[in-house]
Amino acid sequence: MDAQNKATDARIIKAEVKAELKAAGVIDVDDALKLLDLSALTINGDGEVSGIDALIKAAKEGKAYLFADKSNTAIAGSRVPKPGPMSAKKAADMTQAEVDAEERALMAR
């Protein structure tokens, strides 16, 4: 196989892996690609990339932090507050006590 075909195969493999990583729920596909070894992946006679399923399974087992937790849409344990009415005052115009009260109210939603 010549260099041009190898480069084309590498681009195809990378594109297929990106699509499969997104479908599998990877949080940051570009970071995941940097950590995964794509050298075992090949393009079979039908033009399909073989080995992606095993690669993703191994990544889920060994690098679970790359994947979003399906049971919780918050990332890294943070809690996203529900939207609510905005305060009429800007934070710069509030006293520290008012800022603290607004924060408590926001986090209680």
Protein backbone atom coordinates (compact mmCIF):
# COMPACT_ATOMS: atom_id res chain seq x y z
CA MET A 1 0.00 0.00 0.00
CA ASP A 2 1.42 3.36 -0.95
CA ALA A 3 1.66 6.42 1.28
CA GLN A 4 -1.36 8.13 -0.28
CA ASN A 5 -3.61 5.12 0.38
CA LYS A 6 -2.34 4.88 3.96
CA ALA A 7 -3.12 8.55 4.53
CA THR A 8 -6.59 8.14 3.03
CA ASP A 9 -7.28 5.09 5.19
CA ALA A 10 -6.11 6.97 8.29
CA ARG A 11 -8.52 9.84 7.54
CA ILE A 12 -11.40 7.43 6.98
CA ILE A 13 -10.65 5.57 10.20
CA LYS A 14 -10.41 8.80 12.18
CA ALA A 15 -13.71 10.09 10.77
CA GLU A 16 -15.49 6.81 11.54
CA VAL A 17 -14.07 6.71 15.06
CA LYS A 18 -15.18 10.31 15.67
CA ALA A 19 -18.73 9.49 14.59
CA GLU A 20 -18.86 6.38 16.77
CA LEU A 21 -17.40 8.20 19.78
CA LYS A 22 -20.07 10.90 19.48
CA ALA A 23 -22.77 8.25 19.23
CA ALA A 24 -21.34 6.50 22.30
CA GLY A 25 -21.65 9.68 24.37
CA VAL A 26 -18.05 10.86 24.57
CA ILE A 27 -17.87 14.30 26.17
CA ASP A 28 -14.89 15.61 24.17
CA VAL A 29 -14.19 13.61 21.01
CA ASP A 30 -10.92 15.39 20.18
CA ASP A 31 -9.49 14.64 23.64
CA ALA A 32 -10.61 11.04 23.38
CA LEU A 33 -8.89 10.64 20.01
CA LYS A 34 -5.61 11.79 21.55
CA LEU A 35 -5.86 9.08 24.21
CA LEU A 36 -6.98 6.16 22.05
CA ASP A 37 -4.73 3.89 20.00
CA LEU A 38 -6.21 3.66 16.51
CA SER A 39 -3.38 1.52 15.12
CA ALA A 40 -5.35 -1.74 15.54
CA LEU A 41 -8.22 -0.48 13.39
CA THR A 42 -8.35 -1.56 9.76
CA ILE A 43 -10.59 -1.12 6.74
CA ASN A 44 -12.00 -4.47 5.62
CA GLY A 45 -12.83 -5.59 2.08
CA ASP A 46 -16.28 -4.00 2.27
CA GLY A 47 -14.78 -0.61 3.09
CA GLU A 48 -15.96 -0.78 6.70
CA VAL A 49 -13.68 0.06 9.62
CA SER A 50 -13.26 -3.00 11.82
CA GLY A 51 -12.29 -2.89 15.48
CA ILE A 52 -14.20 0.26 16.49
CA ASP A 53 -16.64 -1.60 18.75
CA ALA A 54 -13.80 -3.22 20.70
CA LEU A 55 -11.97 0.11 20.92
CA ILE A 56 -15.02 1.88 22.36
CA LYS A 57 -15.76 -0.97 24.77
CA ALA A 58 -12.17 -0.86 26.06
CA ALA A 59 -12.37 2.94 26.37
CA LYS A 60 -15.60 2.70 28.39
CA GLU A 61 -13.95 0.23 30.73
CA GLY A 62 -10.56 1.89 31.06
CA LYS A 63 -11.35 5.57 30.50
CA ALA A 64 -14.95 5.92 31.69
CA TYR A 65 -14.40 9.62 32.46
CA LEU A 66 -14.47 10.30 28.70
CA PHE A 67 -18.15 9.36 28.54
CA ALA A 68 -21.15 11.34 29.73
CA ASP A 69 -23.14 9.75 32.50
CA LYS A 70 -26.50 9.01 30.85
CA SER A 71 -28.32 9.17 34.20
CA ASN A 72 -27.16 12.71 34.90
CA THR A 73 -26.84 15.47 32.33
CA ALA A 74 -24.65 17.54 34.65
CA ILE A 75 -20.93 17.21 34.03
CA ALA A 76 -18.30 16.73 36.72
CA GLY A 77 -20.85 16.53 39.51
CA SER A 78 -22.07 20.08 39.08
CA ARG A 79 -25.76 20.82 39.36
CA VAL A 80 -27.31 23.01 36.72
CA PRO A 81 -30.01 25.24 38.23
CA LYS A 82 -33.42 25.46 36.65
CA PRO A 83 -34.07 28.71 34.81
CA GLY A 84 -36.06 31.28 36.70
CA PRO A 85 -36.80 34.98 36.78
CA MET A 86 -33.78 37.23 36.72
CA SER A 87 -33.09 39.61 39.54
CA ALA A 88 -33.96 43.22 38.85
CA LYS A 89 -30.67 44.31 40.38
CA LYS A 90 -27.23 43.80 38.90
CA ALA A 91 -24.75 41.95 41.07
CA ALA A 92 -22.45 44.98 41.03
CA ASP A 93 -25.20 47.02 42.67
CA MET A 94 -25.96 44.46 45.41
CA THR A 95 -24.58 44.17 48.90
CA GLN A 96 -22.79 40.94 49.77
CA ALA A 97 -25.84 39.82 51.78
CA GLU A 98 -28.08 40.35 48.73
CA VAL A 99 -25.66 38.43 46.51
CA ASP A 100 -25.61 35.56 49.02
CA ALA A 101 -29.42 35.52 49.21
CA GLU A 102 -29.72 35.47 45.40
CA GLU A 103 -27.22 32.62 45.20
CA ARG A 104 -29.09 30.58 47.81
CA ALA A 105 -32.37 31.17 45.95
CA LEU A 106 -30.79 30.16 42.65
CA MET A 107 -29.28 26.97 44.05
CA ALA A 108 -32.59 26.02 45.70
CA ARG A 109 -34.35 25.75 42.33
